[in-house]
Amino acid sequence: MTFRHLIFAVLILALLMLLKSVMFTLDEREVAIVTRFGKPVRRVISAGLHFKSPVDVVVRFDRRLQLTEIPARELLTQDKKSLVVETFVCWYVYDPKRFLETLGTMQAVPIRLEDIVVSEVATAFGKRMLSSILVADFGASVLDEIGKEVLRRCRERIRNEYGIPGDPKADPIKLVDVRIRRINFPEPTKQSVYERMKAERQRQAKQYRAEGKEQAMKIRSQTDKEVARILAEAYKRAEQIKGEAEAQAMRIYADAYKRDPEFYRFLRTLEAYKKVLNDKTTVILSADSELMKLLTHGRETKIKDERR
């Protein structure tokens, strides 16, 4: 390699180093602040190739939504009951310039958030009774209400401590949500709490069973009363129908008697015989007995004898 080639290679290398010092690329997931001698000079938010002064330094921040988990802390409720509470926070870099000036690095955010969030969660739990925290209806639970309250208070504190009071556009980070991840009882008190819960559930179950038995007795009593009423009405109606039927039968019998009294007496006699005589009845009759004549010769013989 000649001296000329060496000089050319050195120039090429120096040119590449110069281009590297004045150019930089930004990813879609990042936002950057260009600083000069430690002082921010401009903000870069668009992805692609950008230029800067050789003395400038590019500080990059992740612009994606961040999730910070707050370790479990033991907190007290208004009635001095201990609860172990775990929370998490969703946030993102909102004003990179303000972020660099106040928080500095992404690694510093979880530490600052932990202090703020734990303080506000402790305040929120300290204003509520344990019974109100553990009860949830079919709508929004108390934990959702606590999360919204803590989120509002944390936003205010971040604005006052790291941003500009009264100017939401100057917040270094923007909190998206604060949620209670889990609540639990401290280990020493778990068993006693479980026993109290068990006793309470047993008391409620006994009360429900007693109310159910009482309701069942009311239903049975009402049902028996209704059945008696229906049977009485049915018996009354049946007796009415039976009386009307007997009256109608008597009228029919009377009409039949008027038309042919002898035939009517004959039918009544047969009905009487049917009730009196059966396969176990023994009857001793004389030859001139009317019953004997009726059984042997029928009604016609009886009528002829009467005509004679």
C-alpha atoms as a PDB file:
ATOM      1  CA  MET A   1       0.000   0.000   0.000  1.00  0.00           C
ATOM      2  CA  THR A   2       1.399   3.367  -1.026  1.00  0.00           C
ATOM      3  CA  PHE A   3       1.420   6.486   1.066  1.00  0.00           C
ATOM      4  CA  ARG A   4      -1.302   7.961  -1.131  1.00  0.00           C
ATOM      5  CA  HIS A   5      -3.570   5.002  -0.471  1.00  0.00           C
ATOM      6  CA  LEU A   6      -2.916   5.315   3.246  1.00  0.00           C
ATOM      7  CA  ILE A   7      -3.842   8.985   3.243  1.00  0.00           C
ATOM      8  CA  PHE A   8      -7.027   8.173   1.274  1.00  0.00           C
ATOM      9  CA  ALA A   9      -8.022   5.463   3.758  1.00  0.00           C
ATOM     10  CA  VAL A  10      -7.442   7.797   6.684  1.00  0.00           C
ATOM     11  CA  LEU A  11      -9.582  10.467   5.029  1.00  0.00           C
ATOM     12  CA  ILE A  12     -12.364   7.965   4.384  1.00  0.00           C
ATOM     13  CA  LEU A  13     -12.232   6.813   8.002  1.00  0.00           C
ATOM     14  CA  ALA A  14     -12.289  10.396   9.276  1.00  0.00           C
ATOM     15  CA  LEU A  15     -15.238  11.152   7.006  1.00  0.00           C
ATOM     16  CA  LEU A  16     -17.150   8.146   8.334  1.00  0.00           C
ATOM     17  CA  MET A  17     -16.413   9.160  11.907  1.00  0.00           C
ATOM     18  CA  LEU A  18     -17.565  12.702  11.132  1.00  0.00           C
ATOM     19  CA  LEU A  19     -20.782  11.424   9.566  1.00  0.00           C
ATOM     20  CA  LYS A  20     -21.365   9.191  12.545  1.00  0.00           C
ATOM     21  CA  SER A  21     -20.897  12.146  14.879  1.00  0.00           C
ATOM     22  CA  VAL A  22     -23.401  14.348  13.007  1.00  0.00           C
ATOM     23  CA  MET A  23     -26.030  11.741  12.106  1.00  0.00           C
ATOM     24  CA  PHE A  24     -28.211   9.434  14.168  1.00  0.00           C
ATOM     25  CA  THR A  25     -31.273   7.286  13.625  1.00  0.00           C
ATOM     26  CA  LEU A  26     -34.358   7.117  15.798  1.00  0.00           C
ATOM     27  CA  ASP A  27     -36.589   4.065  16.219  1.00  0.00           C
ATOM     28  CA  GLU A  28     -40.395   4.280  16.123  1.00  0.00           C
ATOM     29  CA  ARG A  29     -40.482   3.151  19.741  1.00  0.00           C
ATOM     30  CA  GLU A  30     -38.214   5.971  20.931  1.00  0.00           C
ATOM     31  CA  VAL A  31     -38.194   9.694  21.531  1.00  0.00           C
ATOM     32  CA  ALA A  32     -34.924  11.633  21.921  1.00  0.00           C
ATOM     33  CA  ILE A  33     -33.550  14.847  23.391  1.00  0.00           C
ATOM     34  CA  VAL A  34     -30.453  16.412  21.818  1.00  0.00           C
ATOM     35  CA  THR A  35     -28.242  18.031  24.437  1.00  0.00           C
ATOM     36  CA  ARG A  36     -25.265  20.341  24.003  1.00  0.00           C
ATOM     37  CA  PHE A  37     -22.863  20.449  26.919  1.00  0.00           C
ATOM     38  CA  GLY A  38     -25.611  18.931  29.104  1.00  0.00           C
ATOM     39  CA  LYS A  39     -28.287  21.436  28.136  1.00  0.00           C
ATOM     40  CA  PRO A  40     -31.303  20.282  26.071  1.00  0.00           C
ATOM     41  CA  VAL A  41     -31.467  22.030  22.710  1.00  0.00           C
ATOM     42  CA  ARG A  42     -34.255  20.197  20.848  1.00  0.00           C
ATOM     43  CA  ARG A  43     -36.657  17.288  20.957  1.00  0.00           C
ATOM     44  CA  VAL A  44     -36.836  14.598  18.269  1.00  0.00           C
ATOM     45  CA  ILE A  45     -39.993  12.488  18.073  1.00  0.00           C
ATOM     46  CA  SER A  46     -40.119  11.333  14.435  1.00  0.00           C
ATOM     47  CA  ALA A  47     -38.433   8.090  13.425  1.00  0.00           C
ATOM     48  CA  GLY A  48     -35.720   8.016  10.772  1.00  0.00           C
ATOM     49  CA  LEU A  49     -32.365   9.681  10.051  1.00  0.00           C
ATOM     50  CA  HIS A  50     -31.527  12.941  11.816  1.00  0.00           C
ATOM     51  CA  PHE A  51     -28.547  15.304  12.004  1.00  0.00           C
ATOM     52  CA  LYS A  52     -26.860  17.014  14.923  1.00  0.00           C
ATOM     53  CA  SER A  53     -23.715  18.892  15.828  1.00  0.00           C
ATOM     54  CA  PRO A  54     -20.622  16.798  16.558  1.00  0.00           C
ATOM     55  CA  VAL A  55     -20.624  18.070  20.123  1.00  0.00           C
ATOM     56  CA  ASP A  56     -24.276  17.202  20.673  1.00  0.00           C
ATOM     57  CA  VAL A  57     -25.356  14.133  22.630  1.00  0.00           C
ATOM     58  CA  VAL A  58     -28.549  12.189  21.895  1.00  0.00           C
ATOM     59  CA  VAL A  59     -30.482  10.947  24.946  1.00  0.00           C
ATOM     60  CA  ARG A  60     -33.078   8.341  24.048  1.00  0.00           C
ATOM     61  CA  PHE A  61     -36.225   7.397  25.933  1.00  0.00           C
ATOM     62  CA  ASP A  62     -38.694   4.577  25.360  1.00  0.00           C
ATOM     63  CA  ARG A  63     -42.002   6.126  24.326  1.00  0.00           C
ATOM     64  CA  ARG A  64     -44.035   2.917  24.772  1.00  0.00           C
ATOM     65  CA  LEU A  65     -46.464   2.277  27.624  1.00  0.00           C
ATOM     66  CA  GLN A  66     -44.549   1.141  30.707  1.00  0.00           C
ATOM     67  CA  LEU A  67     -45.773  -1.127  33.493  1.00  0.00           C
ATOM     68  CA  THR A  68     -44.322  -0.672  36.976  1.00  0.00           C
ATOM     69  CA  GLU A  69     -45.241  -3.147  39.704  1.00  0.00           C
ATOM     70  CA  ILE A  70     -45.217  -1.787  43.230  1.00  0.00           C
ATOM     71  CA  PRO A  71     -44.051  -4.376  45.813  1.00  0.00           C
ATOM     72  CA  ALA A  72     -46.525  -5.495  48.462  1.00  0.00           C
ATOM     73  CA  ARG A  73     -46.846  -3.161  51.436  1.00  0.00           C
ATOM     74  CA  GLU A  74     -48.687  -3.670  54.709  1.00  0.00           C
ATOM     75  CA  LEU A  75     -51.221  -0.871  55.194  1.00  0.00           C
ATOM     76  CA  LEU A  76     -53.788   0.002  57.863  1.00  0.00           C
ATOM     77  CA  THR A  77     -57.498   0.645  57.306  1.00  0.00           C
ATOM     78  CA  GLN A  78     -59.562   3.187  59.215  1.00  0.00           C
ATOM     79  CA  ASP A  79     -60.501   0.556  61.820  1.00  0.00           C
ATOM     80  CA  LYS A  80     -56.803  -0.344  62.299  1.00  0.00           C
ATOM     81  CA  LYS A  81     -56.907  -3.611  60.366  1.00  0.00           C
ATOM     82  CA  SER A  82     -53.777  -4.659  58.491  1.00  0.00           C
ATOM     83  CA  LEU A  83     -53.856  -5.461  54.789  1.00  0.00           C
ATOM     84  CA  VAL A  84     -51.067  -6.444  52.414  1.00  0.00           C
ATOM     85  CA  VAL A  85     -51.630  -4.474  49.195  1.00  0.00           C
ATOM     86  CA  GLU A  86     -49.971  -4.909  45.788  1.00  0.00           C
ATOM     87  CA  THR A  87     -50.434  -2.295  43.063  1.00  0.00           C
ATOM     88  CA  PHE A  88     -49.218  -1.568  39.545  1.00  0.00           C
ATOM     89  CA  VAL A  89     -48.938   1.614  37.490  1.00  0.00           C
ATOM     90  CA  CYS A  90     -49.170   2.162  33.730  1.00  0.00           C
ATOM     91  CA  TRP A  91     -47.317   5.251  32.450  1.00  0.00           C
ATOM     92  CA  TYR A  92     -45.327   6.645  29.522  1.00  0.00           C
ATOM     93  CA  VAL A  93     -42.899   9.472  28.832  1.00  0.00           C
ATOM     94  CA  TYR A  94     -44.967  12.554  28.075  1.00  0.00           C
ATOM     95  CA  ASP A  95     -42.493  15.490  27.953  1.00  0.00           C
ATOM     96  CA  PRO A  96     -38.976  14.167  27.212  1.00  0.00           C
ATOM     97  CA  LYS A  97     -37.282  17.504  27.961  1.00  0.00           C
ATOM     98  CA  ARG A  98     -38.952  17.815  31.346  1.00  0.00           C
ATOM     99  CA  PHE A  99     -38.312  14.136  31.983  1.00  0.00           C
ATOM    100  CA  LEU A 100     -34.585  14.579  31.396  1.00  0.00           C
ATOM    101  CA  GLU A 101     -34.415  17.642  33.629  1.00  0.00           C
ATOM    102  CA  THR A 102     -36.347  16.178  36.581  1.00  0.00           C
ATOM    103  CA  LEU A 103     -36.156  12.377  36.499  1.00  0.00           C
ATOM    104  CA  GLY A 104     -33.078  11.817  34.363  1.00  0.00           C
ATOM    105  CA  THR A 105     -33.328   8.139  33.416  1.00  0.00           C
ATOM    106  CA  MET A 106     -35.996   5.518  32.916  1.00  0.00           C
ATOM    107  CA  GLN A 107     -34.547   3.487  35.798  1.00  0.00           C
ATOM    108  CA  ALA A 108     -35.321   6.308  38.248  1.00  0.00           C
ATOM    109  CA  VAL A 109     -39.050   6.323  37.527  1.00  0.00           C
ATOM    110  CA  PRO A 110     -40.071   3.109  39.412  1.00  0.00           C
ATOM    111  CA  ILE A 111     -38.362   4.347  42.587  1.00  0.00           C
ATOM    112  CA  ARG A 112     -40.104   7.719  42.463  1.00  0.00           C
ATOM    113  CA  LEU A 113     -43.464   6.153  41.549  1.00  0.00           C
ATOM    114  CA  GLU A 114     -43.233   3.654  44.383  1.00  0.00           C
ATOM    115  CA  ASP A 115     -42.932   6.401  46.984  1.00  0.00           C
ATOM    116  CA  ILE A 116     -45.812   8.412  45.536  1.00  0.00           C
ATOM    117  CA  VAL A 117     -48.203   5.518  44.849  1.00  0.00           C
ATOM    118  CA  VAL A 118     -47.645   3.747  48.185  1.00  0.00           C
ATOM    119  CA  SER A 119     -48.250   7.021  50.036  1.00  0.00           C
ATOM    120  CA  GLU A 120     -51.515   7.720  48.207  1.00  0.00           C
ATOM    121  CA  VAL A 121     -52.755   4.115  48.459  1.00  0.00           C
ATOM    122  CA  ALA A 122     -52.075   4.157  52.219  1.00  0.00           C
ATOM    123  CA  THR A 123     -54.065   7.397  52.505  1.00  0.00           C
ATOM    124  CA  ALA A 124     -56.978   5.943  50.509  1.00  0.00           C
ATOM    125  CA  PHE A 125     -57.099   2.740  52.588  1.00  0.00           C
ATOM    126  CA  GLY A 126     -56.759   4.698  55.811  1.00  0.00           C
ATOM    127  CA  LYS A 127     -60.015   6.528  55.074  1.00  0.00           C
ATOM    128  CA  ARG A 128     -62.073   3.338  54.670  1.00  0.00           C
ATOM    129  CA  MET A 129     -63.262   0.539  56.924  1.00  0.00           C
ATOM    130  CA  LEU A 130     -62.148  -3.011  56.223  1.00  0.00           C
ATOM    131  CA  SER A 131     -65.739  -4.171  55.704  1.00  0.00           C
ATOM    132  CA  SER A 132     -66.326  -1.558  52.982  1.00  0.00           C
ATOM    133  CA  ILE A 133     -63.118  -2.521  51.156  1.00  0.00           C
ATOM    134  CA  LEU A 134     -63.844  -6.245  51.027  1.00  0.00           C
ATOM    135  CA  VAL A 135     -67.454  -5.908  49.865  1.00  0.00           C
ATOM    136  CA  ALA A 136     -68.161  -5.676  46.106  1.00  0.00           C
ATOM    137  CA  ASP A 137     -71.519  -5.476  44.404  1.00  0.00           C
ATOM    138  CA  PHE A 138     -72.424  -6.272  40.794  1.00  0.00           C
ATOM    139  CA  GLY A 139     -71.310  -2.812  39.724  1.00  0.00           C
ATOM    140  CA  ALA A 140     -68.024  -1.017  40.355  1.00  0.00           C
ATOM    141  CA  SER A 141     -66.122  -2.271  43.427  1.00  0.00           C
ATOM    142  CA  VAL A 142     -64.481  -0.160  46.112  1.00  0.00           C
ATOM    143  CA  LEU A 143     -61.071  -1.123  44.714  1.00  0.00           C
ATOM    144  CA  ASP A 144     -61.958   0.521  41.395  1.00  0.00           C
ATOM    145  CA  GLU A 145     -62.972   3.632  43.293  1.00  0.00           C
ATOM    146  CA  ILE A 146     -59.687   3.587  45.229  1.00  0.00           C
ATOM    147  CA  GLY A 147     -57.721   3.151  41.989  1.00  0.00           C
ATOM    148  CA  LYS A 148     -59.366   6.196  40.412  1.00  0.00           C
ATOM    149  CA  GLU A 149     -58.780   8.283  43.520  1.00  0.00           C
ATOM    150  CA  VAL A 150     -55.110   7.245  43.752  1.00  0.00           C
ATOM    151  CA  LEU A 151     -54.598   7.935  40.033  1.00  0.00           C
ATOM    152  CA  ARG A 152     -55.942  11.470  40.369  1.00  0.00           C
ATOM    153  CA  ARG A 153     -53.829  12.197  43.461  1.00  0.00           C
ATOM    154  CA  CYS A 154     -50.651  10.746  41.913  1.00  0.00           C
ATOM    155  CA  ARG A 155     -51.086  12.862  38.792  1.00  0.00           C
ATOM    156  CA  GLU A 156     -51.386  15.963  40.943  1.00  0.00           C
ATOM    157  CA  ARG A 157     -48.269  15.101  42.949  1.00  0.00           C
ATOM    158  CA  ILE A 158     -46.185  14.350  39.854  1.00  0.00           C
ATOM    159  CA  ARG A 159     -47.254  17.670  38.342  1.00  0.00           C
ATOM    160  CA  ASN A 160     -46.442  19.557  41.536  1.00  0.00           C
ATOM    161  CA  GLU A 161     -43.110  17.813  42.245  1.00  0.00           C
ATOM    162  CA  TYR A 162     -41.676  17.197  38.760  1.00  0.00           C
ATOM    163  CA  GLY A 163     -43.742  19.305  36.392  1.00  0.00           C
ATOM    164  CA  ILE A 164     -45.230  22.774  36.482  1.00  0.00           C
ATOM    165  CA  PRO A 165     -48.268  23.285  38.737  1.00  0.00           C
ATOM    166  CA  GLY A 166     -51.302  24.158  36.663  1.00  0.00           C
ATOM    167  CA  ASP A 167     -49.681  23.146  33.359  1.00  0.00           C
ATOM    168  CA  PRO A 168     -50.592  19.555  32.358  1.00  0.00           C
ATOM    169  CA  LYS A 169     -48.483  19.826  29.187  1.00  0.00           C
ATOM    170  CA  ALA A 170     -45.286  20.034  31.246  1.00  0.00           C
ATOM    171  CA  ASP A 171     -45.711  16.660  32.975  1.00  0.00           C
ATOM    172  CA  PRO A 172     -42.560  14.555  32.538  1.00  0.00           C
ATOM    173  CA  ILE A 173     -44.609  11.340  32.559  1.00  0.00           C
ATOM    174  CA  LYS A 174     -48.298  10.649  32.099  1.00  0.00           C
ATOM    175  CA  LEU A 175     -49.996   8.124  34.355  1.00  0.00           C
ATOM    176  CA  VAL A 176     -52.538   6.047  32.437  1.00  0.00           C
ATOM    177  CA  ASP A 177     -53.858   3.886  35.259  1.00  0.00           C
ATOM    178  CA  VAL A 178     -53.235   2.828  38.846  1.00  0.00           C
ATOM    179  CA  ARG A 179     -54.796  -0.452  39.928  1.00  0.00           C
ATOM    180  CA  ILE A 180     -54.899  -2.599  43.045  1.00  0.00           C
ATOM    181  CA  ARG A 181     -53.467  -5.902  41.905  1.00  0.00           C
ATOM    182  CA  ARG A 182     -54.024  -7.937  45.051  1.00  0.00           C
ATOM    183  CA  ILE A 183     -55.028  -7.469  48.678  1.00  0.00           C
ATOM    184  CA  ASN A 184     -54.387 -10.030  51.356  1.00  0.00           C
ATOM    185  CA  PHE A 185     -54.190 -10.380  55.094  1.00  0.00           C
ATOM    186  CA  PRO A 186     -50.881 -10.672  56.929  1.00  0.00           C
ATOM    187  CA  GLU A 187     -49.936 -14.260  57.666  1.00  0.00           C
ATOM    188  CA  PRO A 188     -50.421 -14.070  61.483  1.00  0.00           C
ATOM    189  CA  THR A 189     -54.008 -12.872  61.120  1.00  0.00           C
ATOM    190  CA  LYS A 190     -55.133 -15.036  58.193  1.00  0.00           C
ATOM    191  CA  GLN A 191     -56.387 -17.950  60.280  1.00  0.00           C
ATOM    192  CA  SER A 192     -58.411 -15.808  62.654  1.00  0.00           C
ATOM    193  CA  VAL A 193     -59.903 -13.945  59.720  1.00  0.00           C
ATOM    194  CA  TYR A 194     -60.832 -17.206  58.012  1.00  0.00           C
ATOM    195  CA  GLU A 195     -62.487 -18.454  61.201  1.00  0.00           C
ATOM    196  CA  ARG A 196     -64.514 -15.267  61.523  1.00  0.00           C
ATOM    197  CA  MET A 197     -65.523 -15.473  57.883  1.00  0.00           C
ATOM    198  CA  LYS A 198     -66.518 -19.117  58.332  1.00  0.00           C
ATOM    199  CA  ALA A 199     -68.592 -18.306  61.420  1.00  0.00           C
ATOM    200  CA  GLU A 200     -70.270 -15.425  59.606  1.00  0.00           C
ATOM    201  CA  ARG A 201     -71.135 -17.614  56.626  1.00  0.00           C
ATOM    202  CA  GLN A 202     -72.521 -20.318  58.928  1.00  0.00           C
ATOM    203  CA  ARG A 203     -74.643 -17.707  60.719  1.00  0.00           C
ATOM    204  CA  GLN A 204     -75.966 -16.440  57.407  1.00  0.00           C
ATOM    205  CA  ALA A 205     -76.676 -19.994  56.219  1.00  0.00           C
ATOM    206  CA  LYS A 206     -78.604 -20.746  59.430  1.00  0.00           C
ATOM    207  CA  GLN A 207     -80.575 -17.539  59.027  1.00  0.00           C
ATOM    208  CA  TYR A 208     -81.369 -18.367  55.388  1.00  0.00           C
ATOM    209  CA  ARG A 209     -82.502 -21.879  56.358  1.00  0.00           C
ATOM    210  CA  ALA A 210     -84.729 -20.517  59.131  1.00  0.00           C
ATOM    211  CA  GLU A 211     -86.257 -17.962  56.775  1.00  0.00           C
ATOM    212  CA  GLY A 212     -86.759 -20.701  54.181  1.00  0.00           C
ATOM    213  CA  LYS A 213     -88.540 -22.947  56.688  1.00  0.00           C
ATOM    214  CA  GLU A 214     -90.743 -20.067  57.787  1.00  0.00           C
ATOM    215  CA  GLN A 215     -91.605 -19.266  54.199  1.00  0.00           C
ATOM    216  CA  ALA A 216     -92.278 -22.946  53.480  1.00  0.00           C
ATOM    217  CA  MET A 217     -94.665 -23.148  56.451  1.00  0.00           C
ATOM    218  CA  LYS A 218     -96.508 -20.075  55.205  1.00  0.00           C
ATOM    219  CA  ILE A 219     -96.779 -21.563  51.729  1.00  0.00           C
ATOM    220  CA  ARG A 220     -97.981 -24.926  53.089  1.00  0.00           C
ATOM    221  CA  SER A 221    -100.537 -23.229  55.347  1.00  0.00           C
ATOM    222  CA  GLN A 222    -101.831 -21.133  52.492  1.00  0.00           C
ATOM    223  CA  THR A 223    -101.924 -24.186  50.229  1.00  0.00           C
ATOM    224  CA  ASP A 224    -103.831 -26.277  52.814  1.00  0.00           C
ATOM    225  CA  LYS A 225    -106.276 -23.438  53.275  1.00  0.00           C
ATOM    226  CA  GLU A 226    -106.793 -23.159  49.526  1.00  0.00           C
ATOM    227  CA  VAL A 227    -107.197 -26.941  49.188  1.00  0.00           C
ATOM    228  CA  ALA A 228    -109.819 -26.984  51.966  1.00  0.00           C
ATOM    229  CA  ARG A 229    -111.659 -24.135  50.299  1.00  0.00           C
ATOM    230  CA  ILE A 230    -111.611 -25.854  46.904  1.00  0.00           C
ATOM    231  CA  LEU A 231    -112.774 -29.186  48.417  1.00  0.00           C
ATOM    232  CA  ALA A 232    -115.569 -27.446  50.309  1.00  0.00           C
ATOM    233  CA  GLU A 233    -116.748 -25.709  47.178  1.00  0.00           C
ATOM    234  CA  ALA A 234    -116.485 -28.963  45.218  1.00  0.00           C
ATOM    235  CA  TYR A 235    -118.459 -30.867  47.900  1.00  0.00           C
ATOM    236  CA  LYS A 236    -121.082 -28.126  47.967  1.00  0.00           C
ATOM    237  CA  ARG A 237    -121.377 -28.231  44.187  1.00  0.00           C
ATOM    238  CA  ALA A 238    -121.509 -32.026  44.172  1.00  0.00           C
ATOM    239  CA  GLU A 239    -124.308 -32.029  46.772  1.00  0.00           C
ATOM    240  CA  GLN A 240    -126.200 -29.459  44.726  1.00  0.00           C
ATOM    241  CA  ILE A 241    -125.842 -31.585  41.599  1.00  0.00           C
ATOM    242  CA  LYS A 242    -126.816 -34.696  43.515  1.00  0.00           C
ATOM    243  CA  GLY A 243    -129.903 -32.970  44.952  1.00  0.00           C
ATOM    244  CA  GLU A 244    -130.906 -31.671  41.544  1.00  0.00           C
ATOM    245  CA  ALA A 245    -130.411 -35.165  40.082  1.00  0.00           C
ATOM    246  CA  GLU A 246    -132.517 -36.791  42.801  1.00  0.00           C
ATOM    247  CA  ALA A 247    -135.222 -34.180  42.339  1.00  0.00           C
ATOM    248  CA  GLN A 248    -135.222 -34.792  38.617  1.00  0.00           C
ATOM    249  CA  ALA A 249    -135.309 -38.547  39.220  1.00  0.00           C
ATOM    250  CA  MET A 250    -138.286 -38.109  41.532  1.00  0.00           C
ATOM    251  CA  ARG A 251    -140.063 -36.105  38.854  1.00  0.00           C
ATOM    252  CA  ILE A 252    -139.348 -38.815  36.295  1.00  0.00           C
ATOM    253  CA  TYR A 253    -140.603 -41.493  38.706  1.00  0.00           C
ATOM    254  CA  ALA A 254    -143.720 -39.446  39.378  1.00  0.00           C
ATOM    255  CA  ASP A 255    -144.393 -38.999  35.662  1.00  0.00           C
ATOM    256  CA  ALA A 256    -143.917 -42.710  35.114  1.00  0.00           C
ATOM    257  CA  TYR A 257    -146.277 -43.521  37.958  1.00  0.00           C
ATOM    258  CA  LYS A 258    -148.966 -41.250  36.537  1.00  0.00           C
ATOM    259  CA  ARG A 259    -148.733 -42.839  33.105  1.00  0.00           C
ATOM    260  CA  ASP A 260    -148.798 -46.517  34.259  1.00  0.00           C
ATOM    261  CA  PRO A 261    -149.044 -47.080  37.996  1.00  0.00           C
ATOM    262  CA  GLU A 262    -149.096 -50.823  37.649  1.00  0.00           C
ATOM    263  CA  PHE A 263    -145.939 -50.898  35.541  1.00  0.00           C
ATOM    264  CA  TYR A 264    -144.294 -48.502  37.943  1.00  0.00           C
ATOM    265  CA  ARG A 265    -145.085 -50.769  40.895  1.00  0.00           C
ATOM    266  CA  PHE A 266    -143.803 -53.686  38.879  1.00  0.00           C
ATOM    267  CA  LEU A 267    -140.444 -51.980  38.243  1.00  0.00           C
ATOM    268  CA  ARG A 268    -140.109 -50.961  41.880  1.00  0.00           C
ATOM    269  CA  THR A 269    -140.846 -54.535  42.912  1.00  0.00           C
ATOM    270  CA  LEU A 270    -138.136 -55.842  40.590  1.00  0.00           C
ATOM    271  CA  GLU A 271    -135.680 -53.355  42.005  1.00  0.00           C
ATOM    272  CA  ALA A 272    -136.605 -54.499  45.506  1.00  0.00           C
ATOM    273  CA  TYR A 273    -136.108 -58.130  44.491  1.00  0.00           C
ATOM    274  CA  LYS A 274    -132.769 -57.293  42.936  1.00  0.00           C
ATOM    275  CA  LYS A 275    -131.603 -55.863  46.220  1.00  0.00           C
ATOM    276  CA  VAL A 276    -133.070 -58.628  48.359  1.00  0.00           C
ATOM    277  CA  LEU A 277    -132.397 -61.721  46.278  1.00  0.00           C
ATOM    278  CA  ASN A 278    -128.924 -62.930  45.343  1.00  0.00           C
ATOM    279  CA  ASP A 279    -127.090 -66.252  44.902  1.00  0.00           C
ATOM    280  CA  LYS A 280    -126.925 -66.750  48.680  1.00  0.00           C
ATOM    281  CA  THR A 281    -130.646 -66.103  49.381  1.00  0.00           C
ATOM    282  CA  THR A 282    -133.082 -68.968  49.970  1.00  0.00           C
ATOM    283  CA  VAL A 283    -136.799 -68.158  49.664  1.00  0.00           C
ATOM    284  CA  ILE A 284    -139.692 -70.563  50.459  1.00  0.00           C
ATOM    285  CA  LEU A 285    -142.928 -69.542  48.731  1.00  0.00           C
ATOM    286  CA  SER A 286    -146.377 -71.070  48.545  1.00  0.00           C
ATOM    287  CA  ALA A 287    -147.919 -71.926  45.169  1.00  0.00           C
ATOM    288  CA  ASP A 288    -150.487 -69.137  45.345  1.00  0.00           C
ATOM    289  CA  SER A 289    -147.938 -66.502  46.381  1.00  0.00           C
ATOM    290  CA  GLU A 290    -147.928 -63.409  44.172  1.00  0.00           C
ATOM    291  CA  LEU A 291    -144.140 -63.424  44.198  1.00  0.00           C
ATOM    292  CA  MET A 292    -144.208 -67.075  43.025  1.00  0.00           C
ATOM    293  CA  LYS A 293    -146.587 -66.162  40.210  1.00  0.00           C
ATOM    294  CA  LEU A 294    -144.498 -63.199  39.240  1.00  0.00           C
ATOM    295  CA  LEU A 295    -141.304 -65.227  39.162  1.00  0.00           C
ATOM    296  CA  THR A 296    -142.826 -68.126  37.220  1.00  0.00           C
ATOM    297  CA  HIS A 297    -145.421 -66.499  34.914  1.00  0.00           C
ATOM    298  CA  GLY A 298    -144.412 -62.850  34.860  1.00  0.00           C
ATOM    299  CA  ARG A 299    -146.518 -59.683  35.001  1.00  0.00           C
ATOM    300  CA  GLU A 300    -149.114 -60.853  32.418  1.00  0.00           C
ATOM    301  CA  THR A 301    -150.379 -63.744  34.620  1.00  0.00           C
ATOM    302  CA  LYS A 302    -150.629 -61.368  37.560  1.00  0.00           C
ATOM    303  CA  ILE A 303    -152.722 -58.925  35.538  1.00  0.00           C
ATOM    304  CA  LYS A 304    -155.066 -61.690  34.268  1.00  0.00           C
ATOM    305  CA  ASP A 305    -155.631 -62.935  37.796  1.00  0.00           C
ATOM    306  CA  GLU A 306    -156.523 -59.467  38.903  1.00  0.00           C
ATOM    307  CA  ARG A 307    -159.000 -59.039  36.045  1.00  0.00           C
ATOM    308  CA  ARG A 308    -160.772 -62.231  37.024  1.00  0.00           C
END
